[in-house]
C-alpha atoms as a PDB file:
ATOM      1  CA  UNK A   1     -32.902   8.921 -78.116  1.00  0.00           C
ATOM      2  CA  UNK A   2     -33.485   8.664 -74.586  1.00  0.00           C
ATOM      3  CA  UNK A   3     -33.469  11.527 -72.046  1.00  0.00           C
ATOM      4  CA  UNK A   4     -32.384  11.068 -68.316  1.00  0.00           C
ATOM      5  CA  UNK A   5     -33.656  13.246 -65.737  1.00  0.00           C
ATOM      6  CA  UNK A   6     -31.905  13.885 -62.494  1.00  0.00           C
ATOM      7  CA  UNK A   7     -33.757  13.167 -59.281  1.00  0.00           C
ATOM      8  CA  UNK A   8     -31.669  15.485 -57.167  1.00  0.00           C
ATOM      9  CA  UNK A   9     -33.350  18.767 -56.307  1.00  0.00           C
ATOM     10  CA  UNK A  10     -31.585  22.042 -57.562  1.00  0.00           C
ATOM     11  CA  UNK A  11     -29.592  23.709 -54.824  1.00  0.00           C
ATOM     12  CA  UNK A  12     -31.060  26.870 -53.436  1.00  0.00           C
ATOM     13  CA  UNK A  13     -28.941  29.824 -52.900  1.00  0.00           C
ATOM     14  CA  UNK A  14     -28.882  30.702 -48.927  1.00  0.00           C
ATOM     15  CA  UNK A  15     -31.190  33.666 -48.617  1.00  0.00           C
ATOM     16  CA  UNK A  16     -29.660  36.676 -46.867  1.00  0.00           C
ATOM     17  CA  UNK A  17     -31.888  37.840 -43.940  1.00  0.00           C
ATOM     18  CA  UNK A  18     -33.378  41.277 -45.102  1.00  0.00           C
ATOM     19  CA  UNK A  19     -32.174  44.451 -43.419  1.00  0.00           C
ATOM     20  CA  UNK A  20     -29.304  42.715 -41.568  1.00  0.00           C
ATOM     21  CA  UNK A  21     -25.814  43.988 -42.714  1.00  0.00           C
ATOM     22  CA  UNK A  22     -23.340  41.032 -42.983  1.00  0.00           C
ATOM     23  CA  UNK A  23     -20.407  42.969 -42.424  1.00  0.00           C
ATOM     24  CA  UNK A  24     -21.571  44.656 -39.129  1.00  0.00           C
ATOM     25  CA  UNK A  25     -20.306  42.054 -36.574  1.00  0.00           C
ATOM     26  CA  UNK A  26     -19.398  42.914 -32.962  1.00  0.00           C
ATOM     27  CA  UNK A  27     -15.803  43.288 -33.770  1.00  0.00           C
ATOM     28  CA  UNK A  28     -16.422  45.752 -36.326  1.00  0.00           C
ATOM     29  CA  UNK A  29     -18.489  47.476 -33.867  1.00  0.00           C
ATOM     30  CA  UNK A  30     -15.960  47.716 -31.475  1.00  0.00           C
ATOM     31  CA  UNK A  31     -13.326  48.933 -34.086  1.00  0.00           C
ATOM     32  CA  UNK A  32     -15.398  51.826 -35.066  1.00  0.00           C
ATOM     33  CA  UNK A  33     -16.388  52.906 -31.641  1.00  0.00           C
ATOM     34  CA  UNK A  34     -12.840  52.767 -30.499  1.00  0.00           C
ATOM     35  CA  UNK A  35     -11.626  54.836 -33.503  1.00  0.00           C
ATOM     36  CA  UNK A  36     -14.168  57.406 -33.080  1.00  0.00           C
ATOM     37  CA  UNK A  37     -13.573  57.641 -29.269  1.00  0.00           C
ATOM     38  CA  UNK A  38     -10.087  58.854 -29.641  1.00  0.00           C
ATOM     39  CA  UNK A  39     -11.509  61.506 -32.167  1.00  0.00           C
ATOM     40  CA  UNK A  40     -11.020  60.073 -35.498  1.00  0.00           C
ATOM     41  CA  UNK A  41     -13.338  61.335 -38.237  1.00  0.00           C
ATOM     42  CA  UNK A  42     -15.958  58.920 -39.314  1.00  0.00           C
ATOM     43  CA  UNK A  43     -14.232  58.282 -42.629  1.00  0.00           C
ATOM     44  CA  UNK A  44     -11.020  57.471 -41.078  1.00  0.00           C
ATOM     45  CA  UNK A  45     -12.644  55.497 -38.684  1.00  0.00           C
ATOM     46  CA  UNK A  46     -14.154  53.160 -41.305  1.00  0.00           C
ATOM     47  CA  UNK A  47     -10.671  52.941 -42.856  1.00  0.00           C
ATOM     48  CA  UNK A  48      -9.240  51.851 -39.312  1.00  0.00           C
ATOM     49  CA  UNK A  49     -12.174  49.242 -38.977  1.00  0.00           C
ATOM     50  CA  UNK A  50     -11.583  47.621 -42.584  1.00  0.00           C
ATOM     51  CA  UNK A  51     -14.913  48.745 -43.951  1.00  0.00           C
ATOM     52  CA  UNK A  52     -16.196  51.015 -46.647  1.00  0.00           C
ATOM     53  CA  UNK A  53     -16.582  54.611 -45.776  1.00  0.00           C
ATOM     54  CA  UNK A  54     -19.985  54.683 -47.617  1.00  0.00           C
ATOM     55  CA  UNK A  55     -20.944  51.326 -45.790  1.00  0.00           C
ATOM     56  CA  UNK A  56     -20.234  53.017 -42.351  1.00  0.00           C
ATOM     57  CA  UNK A  57     -22.412  56.236 -43.211  1.00  0.00           C
ATOM     58  CA  UNK A  58     -25.293  53.885 -44.552  1.00  0.00           C
ATOM     59  CA  UNK A  59     -25.349  51.942 -41.187  1.00  0.00           C
ATOM     60  CA  UNK A  60     -25.144  55.022 -39.219  1.00  0.00           C
ATOM     61  CA  UNK A  61     -28.120  56.597 -41.385  1.00  0.00           C
ATOM     62  CA  UNK A  62     -30.025  53.194 -40.719  1.00  0.00           C
ATOM     63  CA  UNK A  63     -29.297  53.109 -37.070  1.00  0.00           C
ATOM     64  CA  UNK A  64     -30.519  56.898 -36.694  1.00  0.00           C
ATOM     65  CA  UNK A  65     -33.971  56.040 -38.367  1.00  0.00           C
ATOM     66  CA  UNK A  66     -34.482  53.096 -35.938  1.00  0.00           C
ATOM     67  CA  UNK A  67     -33.546  55.312 -32.940  1.00  0.00           C
ATOM     68  CA  UNK A  68     -35.971  58.030 -34.162  1.00  0.00           C
ATOM     69  CA  UNK A  69     -38.696  55.668 -35.220  1.00  0.00           C
ATOM     70  CA  UNK A  70     -38.735  52.597 -32.986  1.00  0.00           C
ATOM     71  CA  UNK A  71     -36.749  53.681 -29.945  1.00  0.00           C
ATOM     72  CA  UNK A  72     -38.258  57.165 -29.270  1.00  0.00           C
ATOM     73  CA  UNK A  73     -34.872  58.716 -29.955  1.00  0.00           C
ATOM     74  CA  UNK A  74     -33.301  56.868 -27.054  1.00  0.00           C
ATOM     75  CA  UNK A  75     -29.481  55.751 -27.577  1.00  0.00           C
ATOM     76  CA  UNK A  76     -29.306  52.282 -26.539  1.00  0.00           C
ATOM     77  CA  UNK A  77     -26.027  50.447 -26.928  1.00  0.00           C
ATOM     78  CA  UNK A  78     -27.245  47.189 -26.496  1.00  0.00           C
ATOM     79  CA  UNK A  79     -30.236  47.487 -28.850  1.00  0.00           C
ATOM     80  CA  UNK A  80     -31.146  44.297 -30.862  1.00  0.00           C
ATOM     81  CA  UNK A  81     -30.664  46.107 -33.922  1.00  0.00           C
ATOM     82  CA  UNK A  82     -27.150  46.144 -34.906  1.00  0.00           C
ATOM     83  CA  UNK A  83     -27.486  49.534 -36.602  1.00  0.00           C
ATOM     84  CA  UNK A  84     -28.901  51.124 -33.820  1.00  0.00           C
ATOM     85  CA  UNK A  85     -26.666  49.714 -31.505  1.00  0.00           C
ATOM     86  CA  UNK A  86     -23.608  51.012 -33.838  1.00  0.00           C
ATOM     87  CA  UNK A  87     -25.310  54.400 -33.937  1.00  0.00           C
ATOM     88  CA  UNK A  88     -25.736  54.721 -30.030  1.00  0.00           C
ATOM     89  CA  UNK A  89     -22.052  53.555 -29.433  1.00  0.00           C
ATOM     90  CA  UNK A  90     -20.287  55.770 -32.112  1.00  0.00           C
ATOM     91  CA  UNK A  91     -22.711  58.949 -31.330  1.00  0.00           C
ATOM     92  CA  UNK A  92     -21.738  58.682 -27.714  1.00  0.00           C
ATOM     93  CA  UNK A  93     -18.170  57.799 -28.209  1.00  0.00           C
ATOM     94  CA  UNK A  94     -17.984  60.994 -30.621  1.00  0.00           C
ATOM     95  CA  UNK A  95     -19.693  63.160 -28.034  1.00  0.00           C
ATOM     96  CA  UNK A  96     -17.177  61.980 -25.128  1.00  0.00           C
ATOM     97  CA  UNK A  97     -14.315  62.752 -27.469  1.00  0.00           C
ATOM     98  CA  UNK A  98     -15.693  66.418 -28.095  1.00  0.00           C
ATOM     99  CA  UNK A  99     -16.178  66.920 -24.237  1.00  0.00           C
ATOM    100  CA  UNK A 100     -12.554  65.867 -23.648  1.00  0.00           C
ATOM    101  CA  UNK A 101     -11.336  68.271 -26.449  1.00  0.00           C
ATOM    102  CA  UNK A 102     -13.578  71.137 -25.409  1.00  0.00           C
ATOM    103  CA  UNK A 103     -12.358  70.590 -21.819  1.00  0.00           C
ATOM    104  CA  UNK A 104      -8.412  70.523 -22.865  1.00  0.00           C
ATOM    105  CA  UNK A 105      -9.185  73.864 -24.929  1.00  0.00           C
ATOM    106  CA  UNK A 106     -11.065  75.534 -21.922  1.00  0.00           C
ATOM    107  CA  UNK A 107      -8.193  74.545 -19.528  1.00  0.00           C
ATOM    108  CA  UNK A 108      -5.732  76.219 -22.085  1.00  0.00           C
ATOM    109  CA  UNK A 109      -7.780  79.347 -22.197  1.00  0.00           C
ATOM    110  CA  UNK A 110      -8.090  79.463 -18.430  1.00  0.00           C
ATOM    111  CA  UNK A 111      -4.416  78.550 -17.674  1.00  0.00           C
ATOM    112  CA  UNK A 112      -3.223  75.288 -16.623  1.00  0.00           C
ATOM    113  CA  UNK A 113      -1.386  74.199 -13.306  1.00  0.00           C
ATOM    114  CA  UNK A 114       2.010  73.428 -14.296  1.00  0.00           C
ATOM    115  CA  UNK A 115       3.271  72.195 -10.866  1.00  0.00           C
ATOM    116  CA  UNK A 116       2.321  72.117  -7.285  1.00  0.00           C
ATOM    117  CA  UNK A 117       4.657  71.857  -4.451  1.00  0.00           C
ATOM    118  CA  UNK A 118       4.535  71.732  -0.665  1.00  0.00           C
ATOM    119  CA  UNK A 119       6.869  73.106   1.719  1.00  0.00           C
ATOM    120  CA  UNK A 120       7.104  72.368   5.507  1.00  0.00           C
ATOM    121  CA  UNK A 121       9.305  73.930   7.959  1.00  0.00           C
ATOM    122  CA  UNK A 122       9.429  74.717  11.658  1.00  0.00           C
ATOM    123  CA  UNK A 123       9.087  78.375  12.945  1.00  0.00           C
ATOM    124  CA  UNK A 124      12.226  79.130  14.842  1.00  0.00           C
ATOM    125  CA  UNK A 125      10.445  81.690  17.084  1.00  0.00           C
ATOM    126  CA  UNK A 126       7.171  80.108  18.032  1.00  0.00           C
ATOM    127  CA  UNK A 127       8.298  76.242  17.283  1.00  0.00           C
ATOM    128  CA  UNK A 128       5.314  75.684  15.242  1.00  0.00           C
ATOM    129  CA  UNK A 129       5.163  73.407  12.147  1.00  0.00           C
ATOM    130  CA  UNK A 130       4.206  75.339   9.098  1.00  0.00           C
ATOM    131  CA  UNK A 131       3.348  74.390   5.484  1.00  0.00           C
ATOM    132  CA  UNK A 132       3.184  76.402   2.590  1.00  0.00           C
ATOM    133  CA  UNK A 133       1.429  75.384  -0.885  1.00  0.00           C
ATOM    134  CA  UNK A 134       3.178  76.803  -4.050  1.00  0.00           C
ATOM    135  CA  UNK A 135       1.233  76.469  -7.379  1.00  0.00           C
ATOM    136  CA  UNK A 136       2.797  77.487 -10.591  1.00  0.00           C
ATOM    137  CA  UNK A 137       0.447  78.221 -13.435  1.00  0.00           C
ATOM    138  CA  UNK A 138       0.845  78.615 -17.042  1.00  0.00           C
ATOM    139  CA  UNK A 139      -1.041  81.810 -18.110  1.00  0.00           C
ATOM    140  CA  UNK A 140      -4.214  81.524 -20.366  1.00  0.00           C
ATOM    141  CA  UNK A 141      -4.283  82.027 -23.827  1.00  0.00           C
ATOM    142  CA  UNK A 142      -7.074  84.218 -25.158  1.00  0.00           C
ATOM    143  CA  UNK A 143      -6.806  82.278 -28.501  1.00  0.00           C
ATOM    144  CA  UNK A 144      -8.097  79.246 -27.197  1.00  0.00           C
ATOM    145  CA  UNK A 145     -11.051  80.982 -25.785  1.00  0.00           C
ATOM    146  CA  UNK A 146     -11.755  82.529 -29.157  1.00  0.00           C
ATOM    147  CA  UNK A 147     -11.518  79.374 -30.795  1.00  0.00           C
ATOM    148  CA  UNK A 148     -13.898  77.701 -28.350  1.00  0.00           C
ATOM    149  CA  UNK A 149     -16.462  80.563 -28.962  1.00  0.00           C
ATOM    150  CA  UNK A 150     -16.393  80.299 -32.457  1.00  0.00           C
ATOM    151  CA  UNK A 151     -16.782  76.502 -32.404  1.00  0.00           C
ATOM    152  CA  UNK A 152     -19.693  76.401 -29.784  1.00  0.00           C
ATOM    153  CA  UNK A 153     -21.628  78.997 -31.993  1.00  0.00           C
ATOM    154  CA  UNK A 154     -20.049  79.518 -35.332  1.00  0.00           C
ATOM    155  CA  UNK A 155     -22.933  81.719 -36.762  1.00  0.00           C
ATOM    156  CA  UNK A 156     -24.746  83.508 -34.115  1.00  0.00           C
ATOM    157  CA  UNK A 157     -28.517  84.187 -34.910  1.00  0.00           C
ATOM    158  CA  UNK A 158     -30.913  86.448 -33.408  1.00  0.00           C
ATOM    159  CA  UNK A 159     -34.078  85.236 -31.800  1.00  0.00           C
ATOM    160  CA  UNK A 160     -36.226  86.319 -34.870  1.00  0.00           C
ATOM    161  CA  UNK A 161     -34.043  84.357 -37.317  1.00  0.00           C
ATOM    162  CA  UNK A 162     -34.442  81.210 -34.930  1.00  0.00           C
ATOM    163  CA  UNK A 163     -38.050  81.650 -34.924  1.00  0.00           C
ATOM    164  CA  UNK A 164     -38.316  81.768 -38.881  1.00  0.00           C
ATOM    165  CA  UNK A 165     -36.014  78.756 -39.132  1.00  0.00           C
ATOM    166  CA  UNK A 166     -38.368  76.850 -36.533  1.00  0.00           C
ATOM    167  CA  UNK A 167     -41.430  78.111 -38.512  1.00  0.00           C
ATOM    168  CA  UNK A 168     -39.705  77.086 -41.825  1.00  0.00           C
ATOM    169  CA  UNK A 169     -39.125  73.611 -40.309  1.00  0.00           C
ATOM    170  CA  UNK A 170     -42.833  73.140 -39.175  1.00  0.00           C
ATOM    171  CA  UNK A 171     -44.195  74.178 -42.603  1.00  0.00           C
ATOM    172  CA  UNK A 172     -41.905  71.589 -44.408  1.00  0.00           C
ATOM    173  CA  UNK A 173     -43.210  68.884 -41.800  1.00  0.00           C
ATOM    174  CA  UNK A 174     -46.750  69.741 -42.866  1.00  0.00           C
ATOM    175  CA  UNK A 175     -46.015  69.749 -46.578  1.00  0.00           C
ATOM    176  CA  UNK A 176     -46.847  73.293 -47.150  1.00  0.00           C
ATOM    177  CA  UNK A 177     -46.680  74.106 -50.892  1.00  0.00           C
ATOM    178  CA  UNK A 178     -45.055  76.975 -52.307  1.00  0.00           C
ATOM    179  CA  UNK A 179     -48.233  79.009 -53.026  1.00  0.00           C
ATOM    180  CA  UNK A 180     -49.255  78.444 -49.383  1.00  0.00           C
ATOM    181  CA  UNK A 181     -45.674  79.868 -48.510  1.00  0.00           C
ATOM    182  CA  UNK A 182     -45.997  82.797 -50.643  1.00  0.00           C
ATOM    183  CA  UNK A 183     -49.433  83.649 -49.232  1.00  0.00           C
ATOM    184  CA  UNK A 184     -48.645  83.227 -45.537  1.00  0.00           C
ATOM    185  CA  UNK A 185     -47.077  86.928 -45.022  1.00  0.00           C
ATOM    186  CA  UNK A 186     -49.945  88.159 -46.720  1.00  0.00           C
ATOM    187  CA  UNK A 187     -52.404  86.458 -44.506  1.00  0.00           C
ATOM    188  CA  UNK A 188     -50.372  87.385 -41.486  1.00  0.00           C
ATOM    189  CA  UNK A 189     -50.243  90.980 -42.420  1.00  0.00           C
ATOM    190  CA  UNK A 190     -54.091  90.943 -43.155  1.00  0.00           C
ATOM    191  CA  UNK A 191     -54.784  89.355 -39.764  1.00  0.00           C
ATOM    192  CA  UNK A 192     -53.028  92.089 -38.033  1.00  0.00           C
ATOM    193  CA  UNK A 193     -54.873  94.794 -39.874  1.00  0.00           C
ATOM    194  CA  UNK A 194     -58.190  92.919 -39.059  1.00  0.00           C
ATOM    195  CA  UNK A 195     -57.397  92.747 -35.505  1.00  0.00           C
ATOM    196  CA  UNK A 196     -56.367  96.496 -35.334  1.00  0.00           C
ATOM    197  CA  UNK A 197     -59.853  97.260 -37.072  1.00  0.00           C
ATOM    198  CA  UNK A 198     -61.543  95.175 -34.702  1.00  0.00           C
ATOM    199  CA  UNK A 199     -60.094  97.186 -31.614  1.00  0.00           C
ATOM    200  CA  UNK A 200     -60.953 100.534 -33.227  1.00  0.00           C
ATOM    201  CA  UNK A 201     -64.467  99.425 -33.667  1.00  0.00           C
ATOM    202  CA  UNK A 202     -64.643  98.324 -30.110  1.00  0.00           C
ATOM    203  CA  UNK A 203     -63.372 101.593 -28.855  1.00  0.00           C
ATOM    204  CA  UNK A 204     -65.675 103.567 -30.882  1.00  0.00           C
ATOM    205  CA  UNK A 205     -68.734 101.563 -29.846  1.00  0.00           C
ATOM    206  CA  UNK A 206     -67.642 102.026 -26.326  1.00  0.00           C
ATOM    207  CA  UNK A 207     -67.609 105.819 -26.724  1.00  0.00           C
ATOM    208  CA  UNK A 208     -71.106 105.932 -28.426  1.00  0.00           C
ATOM    209  CA  UNK A 209     -72.488 103.601 -25.851  1.00  0.00           C
ATOM    210  CA  UNK A 210     -71.212 106.014 -22.874  1.00  0.00           C
ATOM    211  CA  UNK A 211     -73.175 108.947 -24.451  1.00  0.00           C
ATOM    212  CA  UNK A 212     -76.397 110.044 -22.295  1.00  0.00           C
ATOM    213  CA  UNK A 213     -78.860 110.504 -24.952  1.00  0.00           C
ATOM    214  CA  UNK A 214     -81.714 111.627 -22.396  1.00  0.00           C
ATOM    215  CA  UNK A 215     -84.939 109.779 -21.599  1.00  0.00           C
ATOM    216  CA  UNK A 216     -86.922 108.032 -23.949  1.00  0.00           C
ATOM    217  CA  UNK A 217     -89.575 109.753 -25.658  1.00  0.00           C
ATOM    218  CA  UNK A 218     -93.154 108.619 -24.580  1.00  0.00           C
ATOM    219  CA  UNK A 219     -95.451 106.597 -26.833  1.00  0.00           C
END
């Protein structure tokens, strides 16, 4: 029994370029940017662009990492990395939408101009031409101010709380373990007590040094 061997090489499957999302095309990027620019949440923006919500969020996470690690935090909408460009465009579009919305709320709180008219007439006595500007303004709404205040600072914190949070963040970056976190308050208290003791010793030493003990005895 004879066996025949094919001389044609086996076809290789095309390799996908690592790290490059195939669905993130310029058209998809534009759709996501426009959807977020009008204030849509990111999940609804993904639906509008026809991509999965988790996929969109993953692109944004990857883009944020590239911006932080390779671009020094700079939002470059023309970045060669597609995820970084998407992250920059969507982030700036969402910020612009927030600015517009906040401005509308602030205008409602202040009271918007409803109409503005001008009237011109001739003074019958002097014969001079006079003009008058009339502005009709809608009264402000305190509820818009209250809403804006809550949104800007939903949980106001004291300076001590902010410093504690910053200290905790620094410890987490340094990889401080649980034992070190537990010992830190005690070490800080010990340092304060030691500082007070040193100051007390310096004061007592100064008092002793200022006493006149008389001439030294002759040998």
